[in-house]
Amino acid sequence: QVQLVESGGGLVQPGGSLRLSCAASGTIFSIYTMAWYRQAPGKQREWVATITSTLTTFYVDSVKGRFTISRDNAKNTVYLQMNSLKPEDTAVYYCNRKPDTWGQGTQVTVSS
């Protein structure tokens, strides 16, 4: 009985920042690799970032240098800090526990 709940989405201007959070329950959080994905309207779901149990991180090229994934195992939470946001970042962002568990998503809209 694993649940992932995303929060922190919203409307921001281009160049702005948001921090997304994903709170996990019903799991031994610290041993799992966690990831963020996003899905824009009319597009397929896209992998964005991953953080392993040993804090190794990976990013899709389009967000490198702008986004940072992190985790706080004491809080059972993974974060996605998003800086220098672009309209192309507009999407529903989903938290994922590898390999098979997803949150409900949180909307991020980047627009002036």
C-alpha atoms as a PDB file:
ATOM      1  CA  GLN A   1       0.000   0.000   0.000  1.00  0.00           C
ATOM      2  CA  VAL A   2       2.266   2.718  -1.353  1.00  0.00           C
ATOM      3  CA  GLN A   3       1.072   6.274  -1.936  1.00  0.00           C
ATOM      4  CA  LEU A   4       2.888   9.177  -3.556  1.00  0.00           C
ATOM      5  CA  VAL A   5       1.398  12.669  -3.279  1.00  0.00           C
ATOM      6  CA  GLU A   6       2.815  15.562  -5.296  1.00  0.00           C
ATOM      7  CA  SER A   7       2.431  19.206  -4.358  1.00  0.00           C
ATOM      8  CA  GLY A   8       3.936  22.596  -5.170  1.00  0.00           C
ATOM      9  CA  GLY A   9       2.728  23.127  -8.706  1.00  0.00           C
ATOM     10  CA  GLY A  10       1.205  26.355  -9.914  1.00  0.00           C
ATOM     11  CA  LEU A  11       1.422  29.239 -12.357  1.00  0.00           C
ATOM     12  CA  VAL A  12       4.751  31.047 -12.725  1.00  0.00           C
ATOM     13  CA  GLN A  13       6.256  33.515 -15.163  1.00  0.00           C
ATOM     14  CA  PRO A  14       9.075  32.534 -17.511  1.00  0.00           C
ATOM     15  CA  GLY A  15      12.348  32.706 -15.614  1.00  0.00           C
ATOM     16  CA  GLY A  16      10.637  31.968 -12.323  1.00  0.00           C
ATOM     17  CA  SER A  17      11.064  29.071  -9.926  1.00  0.00           C
ATOM     18  CA  LEU A  18       8.990  26.374  -8.266  1.00  0.00           C
ATOM     19  CA  ARG A  19       9.794  23.549  -5.899  1.00  0.00           C
ATOM     20  CA  LEU A  20       7.757  20.397  -6.253  1.00  0.00           C
ATOM     21  CA  SER A  21       7.430  17.920  -3.405  1.00  0.00           C
ATOM     22  CA  CYS A  22       6.470  14.256  -3.402  1.00  0.00           C
ATOM     23  CA  ALA A  23       5.554  12.717  -0.066  1.00  0.00           C
ATOM     24  CA  ALA A  24       5.654   8.929   0.164  1.00  0.00           C
ATOM     25  CA  SER A  25       3.836   6.672   2.588  1.00  0.00           C
ATOM     26  CA  GLY A  26       3.564   2.921   3.007  1.00  0.00           C
ATOM     27  CA  THR A  27       7.076   2.265   1.755  1.00  0.00           C
ATOM     28  CA  ILE A  28      10.630   1.883   2.992  1.00  0.00           C
ATOM     29  CA  PHE A  29      11.466   5.081   1.182  1.00  0.00           C
ATOM     30  CA  SER A  30      15.220   5.271   1.643  1.00  0.00           C
ATOM     31  CA  ILE A  31      16.055   2.151  -0.385  1.00  0.00           C
ATOM     32  CA  TYR A  32      14.226   3.159  -3.549  1.00  0.00           C
ATOM     33  CA  THR A  33      15.239   5.084  -6.606  1.00  0.00           C
ATOM     34  CA  MET A  34      12.827   7.985  -7.162  1.00  0.00           C
ATOM     35  CA  ALA A  35      12.108   9.970 -10.295  1.00  0.00           C
ATOM     36  CA  TRP A  36      10.112  12.830 -11.766  1.00  0.00           C
ATOM     37  CA  TYR A  37       8.290  12.659 -15.086  1.00  0.00           C
ATOM     38  CA  ARG A  38       6.148  15.187 -16.912  1.00  0.00           C
ATOM     39  CA  GLN A  39       3.432  15.141 -19.528  1.00  0.00           C
ATOM     40  CA  ALA A  40       2.429  18.131 -21.615  1.00  0.00           C
ATOM     41  CA  PRO A  41      -0.942  18.286 -23.406  1.00  0.00           C
ATOM     42  CA  GLY A  42      -0.893  16.086 -26.494  1.00  0.00           C
ATOM     43  CA  LYS A  43       2.551  14.717 -25.654  1.00  0.00           C
ATOM     44  CA  GLN A  44       3.841  11.452 -24.280  1.00  0.00           C
ATOM     45  CA  ARG A  45       5.061  11.248 -20.726  1.00  0.00           C
ATOM     46  CA  GLU A  46       8.711  12.279 -20.509  1.00  0.00           C
ATOM     47  CA  TRP A  47      11.315  11.329 -17.938  1.00  0.00           C
ATOM     48  CA  VAL A  48      12.814  14.403 -16.258  1.00  0.00           C
ATOM     49  CA  ALA A  49      15.094  13.423 -13.366  1.00  0.00           C
ATOM     50  CA  THR A  50      16.129  10.512 -11.156  1.00  0.00           C
ATOM     51  CA  ILE A  51      17.754  10.212  -7.753  1.00  0.00           C
ATOM     52  CA  THR A  52      19.030   6.905  -6.418  1.00  0.00           C
ATOM     53  CA  SER A  53      19.228   5.645  -2.856  1.00  0.00           C
ATOM     54  CA  THR A  54      22.874   6.708  -2.814  1.00  0.00           C
ATOM     55  CA  LEU A  55      22.020  10.244  -4.035  1.00  0.00           C
ATOM     56  CA  THR A  56      23.264   9.803  -7.580  1.00  0.00           C
ATOM     57  CA  THR A  57      21.248  12.039  -9.920  1.00  0.00           C
ATOM     58  CA  PHE A  58      20.381  12.028 -13.611  1.00  0.00           C
ATOM     59  CA  TYR A  59      18.581  14.605 -15.757  1.00  0.00           C
ATOM     60  CA  VAL A  60      17.118  14.894 -19.196  1.00  0.00           C
ATOM     61  CA  ASP A  61      19.261  17.252 -21.280  1.00  0.00           C
ATOM     62  CA  SER A  62      16.570  19.917 -21.560  1.00  0.00           C
ATOM     63  CA  VAL A  63      16.563  20.602 -17.792  1.00  0.00           C
ATOM     64  CA  LYS A  64      20.248  20.192 -16.952  1.00  0.00           C
ATOM     65  CA  GLY A  65      21.535  23.230 -15.104  1.00  0.00           C
ATOM     66  CA  ARG A  66      18.013  24.416 -14.285  1.00  0.00           C
ATOM     67  CA  PHE A  67      16.390  21.611 -12.266  1.00  0.00           C
ATOM     68  CA  THR A  68      17.679  19.837  -9.167  1.00  0.00           C
ATOM     69  CA  ILE A  69      16.261  16.620  -7.749  1.00  0.00           C
ATOM     70  CA  SER A  70      16.861  15.884  -4.076  1.00  0.00           C
ATOM     71  CA  ARG A  71      15.470  13.753  -1.285  1.00  0.00           C
ATOM     72  CA  ASP A  72      14.991  13.868   2.464  1.00  0.00           C
ATOM     73  CA  ASN A  73      14.688  10.312   3.714  1.00  0.00           C
ATOM     74  CA  ALA A  74      13.737  11.453   7.224  1.00  0.00           C
ATOM     75  CA  LYS A  75      10.662  13.116   5.701  1.00  0.00           C
ATOM     76  CA  ASN A  76      10.002  10.417   3.084  1.00  0.00           C
ATOM     77  CA  THR A  77      10.001  13.185   0.499  1.00  0.00           C
ATOM     78  CA  VAL A  78      11.604  13.806  -2.877  1.00  0.00           C
ATOM     79  CA  TYR A  79      11.854  17.312  -4.330  1.00  0.00           C
ATOM     80  CA  LEU A  80      12.276  18.897  -7.712  1.00  0.00           C
ATOM     81  CA  GLN A  81      13.650  22.430  -7.592  1.00  0.00           C
ATOM     82  CA  MET A  82      12.888  24.104 -10.911  1.00  0.00           C
ATOM     83  CA  ASN A  83      14.663  27.346 -11.789  1.00  0.00           C
ATOM     84  CA  SER A  84      14.749  29.458 -14.944  1.00  0.00           C
ATOM     85  CA  LEU A  85      11.435  28.006 -16.007  1.00  0.00           C
ATOM     86  CA  LYS A  86      10.415  28.121 -19.645  1.00  0.00           C
ATOM     87  CA  PRO A  87       6.990  27.828 -21.276  1.00  0.00           C
ATOM     88  CA  GLU A  88       8.154  24.465 -22.635  1.00  0.00           C
ATOM     89  CA  ASP A  89       8.278  23.201 -19.040  1.00  0.00           C
ATOM     90  CA  THR A  90       4.495  23.476 -18.787  1.00  0.00           C
ATOM     91  CA  ALA A  91       3.156  20.015 -17.963  1.00  0.00           C
ATOM     92  CA  VAL A  92       1.678  17.809 -15.312  1.00  0.00           C
ATOM     93  CA  TYR A  93       4.587  16.591 -13.211  1.00  0.00           C
ATOM     94  CA  TYR A  94       4.476  13.092 -11.741  1.00  0.00           C
ATOM     95  CA  CYS A  95       6.490  11.495  -8.971  1.00  0.00           C
ATOM     96  CA  ASN A  96       7.585   7.893  -9.509  1.00  0.00           C
ATOM     97  CA  ARG A  97       8.988   5.183  -7.273  1.00  0.00           C
ATOM     98  CA  LYS A  98      10.927   2.837  -9.489  1.00  0.00           C
ATOM     99  CA  PRO A  99       9.710   0.801 -11.137  1.00  0.00           C
ATOM    100  CA  ASP A 100       5.942   0.839 -10.753  1.00  0.00           C
ATOM    101  CA  THR A 101       4.370   3.429  -8.444  1.00  0.00           C
ATOM    102  CA  TRP A 102       3.069   6.867  -9.473  1.00  0.00           C
ATOM    103  CA  GLY A 103       1.572   9.896  -7.834  1.00  0.00           C
ATOM    104  CA  GLN A 104      -1.490  11.732  -9.117  1.00  0.00           C
ATOM    105  CA  GLY A 105       0.463  14.615 -10.631  1.00  0.00           C
ATOM    106  CA  THR A 106       0.710  18.349 -10.059  1.00  0.00           C
ATOM    107  CA  GLN A 107       0.201  21.000 -12.738  1.00  0.00           C
ATOM    108  CA  VAL A 108       3.018  23.386 -13.604  1.00  0.00           C
ATOM    109  CA  THR A 109       2.165  26.248 -15.942  1.00  0.00           C
ATOM    110  CA  VAL A 110       4.837  28.667 -17.133  1.00  0.00           C
ATOM    111  CA  SER A 111       3.290  31.687 -18.803  1.00  0.00           C
ATOM    112  CA  SER A 112       3.400  35.458 -18.808  1.00  0.00           C
END
